[in-house]
Amino acid sequence: MTMDKSLRVRAGLMRTRNVLKRGERLVRLKNEDRWEDGDSPMGLPKVRVYKLAMKKKKKKEEDEEEGGDEAAKIE
């Protein structure tokens, strides 16, 4: 049986997850010095998840044209 196009995963998870697993939360808390070994893993404090904005890539053609102009200026 085939899968409907709307159900297929093209590039995996594209957006930022807003919920972390317990292990991920422990790593972030250790980095922030808010958790030490021996503390109870139950009832962990909340950890903020930062969104990362992706920058748009410039076209290669524009880069090549700019590089050509710089070479002409040097000569």
C-alpha atoms as a PDB file:
ATOM      1  CA  MET A   1       0.000   0.000   0.000  1.00  0.00           C
ATOM      2  CA  THR A   2       1.350   3.455  -0.880  1.00  0.00           C
ATOM      3  CA  MET A   3       1.655   6.349   1.526  1.00  0.00           C
ATOM      4  CA  ASP A   4      -0.153   9.627   0.895  1.00  0.00           C
ATOM      5  CA  LYS A   5       2.138  12.551  -0.061  1.00  0.00           C
ATOM      6  CA  SER A   6       0.934  14.660   2.859  1.00  0.00           C
ATOM      7  CA  LEU A   7       2.115  12.023   5.334  1.00  0.00           C
ATOM      8  CA  ARG A   8       5.658  11.646   4.011  1.00  0.00           C
ATOM      9  CA  VAL A   9       8.551  13.172   5.892  1.00  0.00           C
ATOM     10  CA  ARG A  10      10.774  14.942   3.386  1.00  0.00           C
ATOM     11  CA  ALA A  11      13.627  16.405   5.392  1.00  0.00           C
ATOM     12  CA  GLY A  12      12.883  15.205   8.896  1.00  0.00           C
ATOM     13  CA  LEU A  13      11.948  17.579  11.653  1.00  0.00           C
ATOM     14  CA  MET A  14      12.249  21.082  10.219  1.00  0.00           C
ATOM     15  CA  ARG A  15      11.012  23.154  13.144  1.00  0.00           C
ATOM     16  CA  THR A  16      12.403  23.605  16.640  1.00  0.00           C
ATOM     17  CA  ARG A  17      11.104  21.205  19.257  1.00  0.00           C
ATOM     18  CA  ASN A  18       9.584  22.926  22.274  1.00  0.00           C
ATOM     19  CA  VAL A  19       9.869  19.919  24.598  1.00  0.00           C
ATOM     20  CA  LEU A  20      13.163  18.359  25.653  1.00  0.00           C
ATOM     21  CA  LYS A  21      13.787  14.851  26.907  1.00  0.00           C
ATOM     22  CA  ARG A  22      14.994  14.426  30.483  1.00  0.00           C
ATOM     23  CA  GLY A  23      18.575  13.737  29.387  1.00  0.00           C
ATOM     24  CA  GLU A  24      18.663  16.844  27.210  1.00  0.00           C
ATOM     25  CA  ARG A  25      17.315  18.945  30.075  1.00  0.00           C
ATOM     26  CA  LEU A  26      19.969  17.569  32.432  1.00  0.00           C
ATOM     27  CA  VAL A  27      22.753  18.478  29.987  1.00  0.00           C
ATOM     28  CA  ARG A  28      21.478  22.046  29.659  1.00  0.00           C
ATOM     29  CA  LEU A  29      21.025  22.408  33.418  1.00  0.00           C
ATOM     30  CA  LYS A  30      24.595  21.152  33.997  1.00  0.00           C
ATOM     31  CA  ASN A  31      25.921  23.706  31.499  1.00  0.00           C
ATOM     32  CA  GLU A  32      24.075  26.463  33.382  1.00  0.00           C
ATOM     33  CA  ASP A  33      25.287  25.138  36.782  1.00  0.00           C
ATOM     34  CA  ARG A  34      21.698  24.651  37.937  1.00  0.00           C
ATOM     35  CA  TRP A  35      22.016  20.880  38.518  1.00  0.00           C
ATOM     36  CA  GLU A  36      24.659  18.809  40.259  1.00  0.00           C
ATOM     37  CA  ASP A  37      25.262  15.074  40.422  1.00  0.00           C
ATOM     38  CA  GLY A  38      23.239  13.499  43.183  1.00  0.00           C
ATOM     39  CA  ASP A  39      20.222  15.788  42.748  1.00  0.00           C
ATOM     40  CA  SER A  40      16.899  14.115  42.047  1.00  0.00           C
ATOM     41  CA  PRO A  41      16.028  13.858  38.336  1.00  0.00           C
ATOM     42  CA  MET A  42      12.342  14.182  39.236  1.00  0.00           C
ATOM     43  CA  GLY A  43      10.758  17.624  39.200  1.00  0.00           C
ATOM     44  CA  LEU A  44      13.416  19.303  37.072  1.00  0.00           C
ATOM     45  CA  PRO A  45      13.106  23.048  36.511  1.00  0.00           C
ATOM     46  CA  LYS A  46      12.009  24.337  33.132  1.00  0.00           C
ATOM     47  CA  VAL A  47      14.649  24.945  30.475  1.00  0.00           C
ATOM     48  CA  ARG A  48      14.145  27.513  27.760  1.00  0.00           C
ATOM     49  CA  VAL A  49      14.446  26.304  24.172  1.00  0.00           C
ATOM     50  CA  TYR A  50      15.884  28.898  21.819  1.00  0.00           C
ATOM     51  CA  LYS A  51      14.739  29.093  18.212  1.00  0.00           C
ATOM     52  CA  LEU A  52      17.444  29.297  15.593  1.00  0.00           C
ATOM     53  CA  ALA A  53      16.753  31.438  12.561  1.00  0.00           C
ATOM     54  CA  MET A  54      18.284  30.163   9.347  1.00  0.00           C
ATOM     55  CA  LYS A  55      20.004  32.720   7.163  1.00  0.00           C
ATOM     56  CA  LYS A  56      19.328  32.655   3.454  1.00  0.00           C
ATOM     57  CA  LYS A  57      22.258  31.651   1.304  1.00  0.00           C
ATOM     58  CA  LYS A  58      23.405  33.966  -1.447  1.00  0.00           C
ATOM     59  CA  LYS A  59      23.428  32.645  -4.956  1.00  0.00           C
ATOM     60  CA  LYS A  60      26.779  31.445  -6.262  1.00  0.00           C
ATOM     61  CA  GLU A  61      26.425  33.602  -9.363  1.00  0.00           C
ATOM     62  CA  GLU A  62      26.316  36.792  -7.308  1.00  0.00           C
ATOM     63  CA  ASP A  63      29.429  35.734  -5.409  1.00  0.00           C
ATOM     64  CA  GLU A  64      31.303  34.983  -8.623  1.00  0.00           C
ATOM     65  CA  GLU A  65      30.337  38.338 -10.135  1.00  0.00           C
ATOM     66  CA  GLU A  66      31.522  40.179  -7.031  1.00  0.00           C
ATOM     67  CA  GLY A  67      34.788  38.245  -7.094  1.00  0.00           C
ATOM     68  CA  GLY A  68      35.291  39.194 -10.748  1.00  0.00           C
ATOM     69  CA  ASP A  69      34.772  42.877  -9.975  1.00  0.00           C
ATOM     70  CA  GLU A  70      37.341  42.751  -7.200  1.00  0.00           C
ATOM     71  CA  ALA A  71      39.877  41.125  -9.522  1.00  0.00           C
ATOM     72  CA  ALA A  72      39.314  43.932 -12.063  1.00  0.00           C
ATOM     73  CA  LYS A  73      39.913  46.559  -9.359  1.00  0.00           C
ATOM     74  CA  ILE A  74      43.226  44.971  -8.358  1.00  0.00           C
ATOM     75  CA  GLU A  75      44.549  44.958 -11.921  1.00  0.00           C
END
